[in-house]
Amino acid sequence: MKLHSPESLASRQSIYEVIAKHCRGLDRLDLDTIRRCYHEDASIESGPFKGNLADFLVWVAQSLEAYATTMHFITNHVVELMGDMARAETHVLVFHTGQPYDDPDLNITQVCRYVDELNSRDGIWRIASRVCVTESSLVVQPDDRQAIPSGIQVGARGEADIIYHL
């Protein structure tokens, strides 16, 4: 497949969307969205977790419920296509906001990389293997936070978020 062929560009866009939807699923704590980003037989390493998709979803639900919000920002994104297989390295900046706000272990900013192997099966790209590599983690002190003014639309977990009502 040529680097800039229509097929290559379509595959690259599909792969990017899988990773972006995974981030949306994490931020909205939408386990169905996360599930659809992976093949059922995927292997995943993230933080202390190492295992399969079913166990990962349980771990995500338990781990992220401690946070009032998370926000994942995708930065550098490189894809190497090899037919129906691809390798992707995606840099991610993640903001975690705890509840309560004064717990420094729950108010952190992380810099990490998703190192993924993806496969196209029946024309659908999904993650077959992921290793999340943490590069750094910073504590955000409670006094450094600014309150969000009232009357401003804020994000929410699950179906309460505006994205599900457009």
C-alpha atoms as a PDB file:
ATOM      1  CA  MET A   1       0.000   0.000   0.000  1.00  0.00           C
ATOM      2  CA  LYS A   2       1.477   3.335  -1.062  1.00  0.00           C
ATOM      3  CA  LEU A   3       2.074   5.882   1.697  1.00  0.00           C
ATOM      4  CA  HIS A   4      -0.449   8.422   0.389  1.00  0.00           C
ATOM      5  CA  SER A   5      -2.856   6.224  -1.553  1.00  0.00           C
ATOM      6  CA  PRO A   6      -6.572   6.716  -0.847  1.00  0.00           C
ATOM      7  CA  GLU A   7      -6.603   3.318   0.908  1.00  0.00           C
ATOM      8  CA  SER A   8      -3.625   4.262   3.077  1.00  0.00           C
ATOM      9  CA  LEU A   9      -5.146   7.610   4.035  1.00  0.00           C
ATOM     10  CA  ALA A  10      -8.479   5.972   4.849  1.00  0.00           C
ATOM     11  CA  SER A  11      -6.729   3.373   7.041  1.00  0.00           C
ATOM     12  CA  ARG A  12      -4.718   6.045   8.853  1.00  0.00           C
ATOM     13  CA  GLN A  13      -7.867   8.066   9.528  1.00  0.00           C
ATOM     14  CA  SER A  14      -9.718   4.980  10.784  1.00  0.00           C
ATOM     15  CA  ILE A  15      -6.843   4.133  13.117  1.00  0.00           C
ATOM     16  CA  TYR A  16      -6.730   7.686  14.474  1.00  0.00           C
ATOM     17  CA  GLU A  17     -10.493   7.592  15.080  1.00  0.00           C
ATOM     18  CA  VAL A  18     -10.195   4.309  17.007  1.00  0.00           C
ATOM     19  CA  ILE A  19      -7.635   5.890  19.324  1.00  0.00           C
ATOM     20  CA  ALA A  20      -9.652   9.119  19.660  1.00  0.00           C
ATOM     21  CA  LYS A  21     -12.833   7.178  20.454  1.00  0.00           C
ATOM     22  CA  HIS A  22     -10.918   5.180  23.049  1.00  0.00           C
ATOM     23  CA  CYS A  23      -9.957   8.479  24.714  1.00  0.00           C
ATOM     24  CA  ARG A  24     -13.590   9.638  24.551  1.00  0.00           C
ATOM     25  CA  GLY A  25     -14.682   6.361  26.121  1.00  0.00           C
ATOM     26  CA  LEU A  26     -12.236   6.840  28.989  1.00  0.00           C
ATOM     27  CA  ASP A  27     -13.239  10.459  29.569  1.00  0.00           C
ATOM     28  CA  ARG A  28     -16.968   9.717  29.470  1.00  0.00           C
ATOM     29  CA  LEU A  29     -16.433   6.418  31.340  1.00  0.00           C
ATOM     30  CA  ASP A  30     -18.313   4.757  28.482  1.00  0.00           C
ATOM     31  CA  LEU A  31     -17.245   1.124  28.586  1.00  0.00           C
ATOM     32  CA  ASP A  32     -19.143   0.192  25.396  1.00  0.00           C
ATOM     33  CA  THR A  33     -17.194   2.785  23.420  1.00  0.00           C
ATOM     34  CA  ILE A  34     -13.915   1.506  24.867  1.00  0.00           C
ATOM     35  CA  ARG A  35     -14.906  -2.105  24.093  1.00  0.00           C
ATOM     36  CA  ARG A  36     -15.578  -1.268  20.423  1.00  0.00           C
ATOM     37  CA  CYS A  37     -12.007   0.052  20.052  1.00  0.00           C
ATOM     38  CA  TYR A  38     -10.467  -3.370  20.726  1.00  0.00           C
ATOM     39  CA  HIS A  39     -10.657  -6.800  19.185  1.00  0.00           C
ATOM     40  CA  GLU A  40     -12.179  -9.246  21.678  1.00  0.00           C
ATOM     41  CA  ASP A  41      -8.869 -11.142  21.951  1.00  0.00           C
ATOM     42  CA  ALA A  42      -6.778  -7.996  22.590  1.00  0.00           C
ATOM     43  CA  SER A  43      -3.993  -7.861  25.154  1.00  0.00           C
ATOM     44  CA  ILE A  44      -3.584  -4.669  27.178  1.00  0.00           C
ATOM     45  CA  GLU A  45      -0.953  -3.220  29.520  1.00  0.00           C
ATOM     46  CA  SER A  46      -1.864   0.051  31.219  1.00  0.00           C
ATOM     47  CA  GLY A  47      -0.380   1.220  34.507  1.00  0.00           C
ATOM     48  CA  PRO A  48      -0.463  -1.741  36.870  1.00  0.00           C
ATOM     49  CA  PHE A  49      -2.981  -3.581  34.657  1.00  0.00           C
ATOM     50  CA  LYS A  50      -1.905  -6.385  32.344  1.00  0.00           C
ATOM     51  CA  GLY A  51      -4.494  -8.665  30.806  1.00  0.00           C
ATOM     52  CA  ASN A  52      -7.417  -9.123  28.428  1.00  0.00           C
ATOM     53  CA  LEU A  53     -10.210  -6.810  27.297  1.00  0.00           C
ATOM     54  CA  ALA A  54     -12.912  -8.074  29.666  1.00  0.00           C
ATOM     55  CA  ASP A  55     -10.683  -7.619  32.709  1.00  0.00           C
ATOM     56  CA  PHE A  56      -9.434  -4.261  31.410  1.00  0.00           C
ATOM     57  CA  LEU A  57     -12.986  -2.904  31.268  1.00  0.00           C
ATOM     58  CA  VAL A  58     -13.573  -3.917  34.890  1.00  0.00           C
ATOM     59  CA  TRP A  59     -10.268  -2.315  35.908  1.00  0.00           C
ATOM     60  CA  VAL A  60     -11.054   0.912  34.014  1.00  0.00           C
ATOM     61  CA  ALA A  61     -14.471   1.214  35.664  1.00  0.00           C
ATOM     62  CA  GLN A  62     -12.973   0.724  39.126  1.00  0.00           C
ATOM     63  CA  SER A  63      -9.923   2.922  38.549  1.00  0.00           C
ATOM     64  CA  LEU A  64     -11.638   5.889  36.937  1.00  0.00           C
ATOM     65  CA  GLU A  65     -14.612   6.094  39.282  1.00  0.00           C
ATOM     66  CA  ALA A  66     -12.299   7.812  41.796  1.00  0.00           C
ATOM     67  CA  TYR A  67     -11.998  10.783  39.432  1.00  0.00           C
ATOM     68  CA  ALA A  68     -14.577  13.493  38.874  1.00  0.00           C
ATOM     69  CA  THR A  69     -13.163  13.966  35.363  1.00  0.00           C
ATOM     70  CA  THR A  70     -10.408  12.868  33.034  1.00  0.00           C
ATOM     71  CA  MET A  71      -9.385  14.535  29.793  1.00  0.00           C
ATOM     72  CA  HIS A  72      -7.124  12.824  27.245  1.00  0.00           C
ATOM     73  CA  PHE A  73      -5.364  14.940  24.609  1.00  0.00           C
ATOM     74  CA  ILE A  74      -3.803  13.185  21.617  1.00  0.00           C
ATOM     75  CA  THR A  75      -0.639  14.883  20.402  1.00  0.00           C
ATOM     76  CA  ASN A  76       1.965  13.155  18.174  1.00  0.00           C
ATOM     77  CA  HIS A  77       0.519  10.223  16.258  1.00  0.00           C
ATOM     78  CA  VAL A  78       2.576   7.997  13.941  1.00  0.00           C
ATOM     79  CA  VAL A  79       1.180   4.997  12.060  1.00  0.00           C
ATOM     80  CA  GLU A  80       3.143   2.327  10.188  1.00  0.00           C
ATOM     81  CA  LEU A  81       0.853   0.366   7.849  1.00  0.00           C
ATOM     82  CA  MET A  82       1.636  -3.215   6.853  1.00  0.00           C
ATOM     83  CA  GLY A  83      -1.396  -4.443   4.929  1.00  0.00           C
ATOM     84  CA  ASP A  84      -4.145  -5.371   7.385  1.00  0.00           C
ATOM     85  CA  MET A  85      -1.825  -4.739  10.336  1.00  0.00           C
ATOM     86  CA  ALA A  86      -0.505  -1.456  11.701  1.00  0.00           C
ATOM     87  CA  ARG A  87       1.673  -0.148  14.481  1.00  0.00           C
ATOM     88  CA  ALA A  88       0.785   3.180  16.027  1.00  0.00           C
ATOM     89  CA  GLU A  89       2.570   5.323  18.578  1.00  0.00           C
ATOM     90  CA  THR A  90       0.352   8.018  20.049  1.00  0.00           C
ATOM     91  CA  HIS A  91       1.484  10.573  22.618  1.00  0.00           C
ATOM     92  CA  VAL A  92      -1.237  11.419  25.127  1.00  0.00           C
ATOM     93  CA  LEU A  93      -1.501  14.130  27.760  1.00  0.00           C
ATOM     94  CA  VAL A  94      -4.034  13.223  30.465  1.00  0.00           C
ATOM     95  CA  PHE A  95      -5.546  15.441  33.122  1.00  0.00           C
ATOM     96  CA  HIS A  96      -7.128  13.642  36.105  1.00  0.00           C
ATOM     97  CA  THR A  97      -9.331  15.610  38.496  1.00  0.00           C
ATOM     98  CA  GLY A  98     -10.139  13.890  41.742  1.00  0.00           C
ATOM     99  CA  GLN A  99     -13.096  14.038  43.991  1.00  0.00           C
ATOM    100  CA  PRO A 100     -12.327  15.416  46.522  1.00  0.00           C
ATOM    101  CA  TYR A 101     -10.107  18.066  44.958  1.00  0.00           C
ATOM    102  CA  ASP A 102      -7.684  18.133  47.893  1.00  0.00           C
ATOM    103  CA  ASP A 103      -6.337  14.581  47.381  1.00  0.00           C
ATOM    104  CA  PRO A 104      -3.000  14.999  45.547  1.00  0.00           C
ATOM    105  CA  ASP A 105      -3.012  11.337  44.492  1.00  0.00           C
ATOM    106  CA  LEU A 106      -6.160  12.022  42.475  1.00  0.00           C
ATOM    107  CA  ASN A 107      -5.199  15.349  40.903  1.00  0.00           C
ATOM    108  CA  ILE A 108      -2.513  14.443  38.440  1.00  0.00           C
ATOM    109  CA  THR A 109      -1.350  15.183  34.928  1.00  0.00           C
ATOM    110  CA  GLN A 110       0.286  12.330  33.055  1.00  0.00           C
ATOM    111  CA  VAL A 111       2.290  12.202  29.864  1.00  0.00           C
ATOM    112  CA  CYS A 112       2.145   8.810  28.212  1.00  0.00           C
ATOM    113  CA  ARG A 113       2.348   6.960  24.916  1.00  0.00           C
ATOM    114  CA  TYR A 114      -0.012   4.366  23.521  1.00  0.00           C
ATOM    115  CA  VAL A 115       2.039   1.789  21.643  1.00  0.00           C
ATOM    116  CA  ASP A 116      -0.545  -0.152  19.674  1.00  0.00           C
ATOM    117  CA  GLU A 117      -0.746  -2.987  17.224  1.00  0.00           C
ATOM    118  CA  LEU A 118      -3.959  -2.743  15.250  1.00  0.00           C
ATOM    119  CA  ASN A 119      -5.561  -5.135  12.798  1.00  0.00           C
ATOM    120  CA  SER A 120      -8.210  -4.630  10.164  1.00  0.00           C
ATOM    121  CA  ARG A 121     -10.640  -7.540  10.348  1.00  0.00           C
ATOM    122  CA  ASP A 122     -13.580  -7.501   7.961  1.00  0.00           C
ATOM    123  CA  GLY A 123     -12.507  -3.970   7.016  1.00  0.00           C
ATOM    124  CA  ILE A 124     -12.717  -2.614  10.584  1.00  0.00           C
ATOM    125  CA  TRP A 125      -9.588  -1.368  12.370  1.00  0.00           C
ATOM    126  CA  ARG A 126      -9.340  -2.153  16.081  1.00  0.00           C
ATOM    127  CA  ILE A 127      -6.584  -2.440  18.667  1.00  0.00           C
ATOM    128  CA  ALA A 128      -5.134  -5.950  18.975  1.00  0.00           C
ATOM    129  CA  SER A 129      -2.427  -5.096  21.506  1.00  0.00           C
ATOM    130  CA  ARG A 130      -1.744  -1.992  23.585  1.00  0.00           C
ATOM    131  CA  VAL A 131       1.043  -0.999  25.931  1.00  0.00           C
ATOM    132  CA  CYS A 132       0.547   2.337  27.680  1.00  0.00           C
ATOM    133  CA  VAL A 133       3.977   3.762  28.513  1.00  0.00           C
ATOM    134  CA  THR A 134       4.045   6.460  31.198  1.00  0.00           C
ATOM    135  CA  GLU A 135       6.687   9.121  30.601  1.00  0.00           C
ATOM    136  CA  SER A 136       5.921  11.427  33.535  1.00  0.00           C
ATOM    137  CA  SER A 137       3.304  12.184  36.144  1.00  0.00           C
ATOM    138  CA  LEU A 138       2.774  15.512  37.888  1.00  0.00           C
ATOM    139  CA  VAL A 139       0.676  16.293  40.951  1.00  0.00           C
ATOM    140  CA  VAL A 140      -1.629  19.295  40.670  1.00  0.00           C
ATOM    141  CA  GLN A 141      -1.912  21.054  44.026  1.00  0.00           C
ATOM    142  CA  PRO A 142      -5.464  21.966  45.135  1.00  0.00           C
ATOM    143  CA  ASP A 143      -4.525  25.635  45.504  1.00  0.00           C
ATOM    144  CA  ASP A 144      -3.451  25.690  41.851  1.00  0.00           C
ATOM    145  CA  ARG A 145      -6.977  24.880  40.642  1.00  0.00           C
ATOM    146  CA  GLN A 146      -9.416  27.513  39.531  1.00  0.00           C
ATOM    147  CA  ALA A 147     -13.115  26.963  40.135  1.00  0.00           C
ATOM    148  CA  ILE A 148     -15.281  26.728  37.018  1.00  0.00           C
ATOM    149  CA  PRO A 149     -17.758  29.623  37.036  1.00  0.00           C
ATOM    150  CA  SER A 150     -21.413  28.716  37.386  1.00  0.00           C
ATOM    151  CA  GLY A 151     -23.546  28.711  34.269  1.00  0.00           C
ATOM    152  CA  ILE A 152     -20.845  27.174  32.054  1.00  0.00           C
ATOM    153  CA  GLN A 153     -21.470  23.852  30.307  1.00  0.00           C
ATOM    154  CA  VAL A 154     -19.206  21.216  31.888  1.00  0.00           C
ATOM    155  CA  GLY A 155     -18.453  17.666  30.863  1.00  0.00           C
ATOM    156  CA  ALA A 156     -20.075  14.690  32.539  1.00  0.00           C
ATOM    157  CA  ARG A 157     -19.536  10.969  32.726  1.00  0.00           C
ATOM    158  CA  GLY A 158     -21.725   8.646  30.688  1.00  0.00           C
ATOM    159  CA  GLU A 159     -24.950   9.627  28.967  1.00  0.00           C
ATOM    160  CA  ALA A 160     -25.257  12.849  30.968  1.00  0.00           C
ATOM    161  CA  ASP A 161     -22.586  14.414  28.737  1.00  0.00           C
ATOM    162  CA  ILE A 162     -23.631  16.779  25.949  1.00  0.00           C
ATOM    163  CA  ILE A 163     -22.027  14.558  23.265  1.00  0.00           C
ATOM    164  CA  TYR A 164     -24.815  12.011  23.733  1.00  0.00           C
ATOM    165  CA  HIS A 165     -27.530  14.649  23.212  1.00  0.00           C
ATOM    166  CA  LEU A 166     -26.452  16.313  19.973  1.00  0.00           C
END
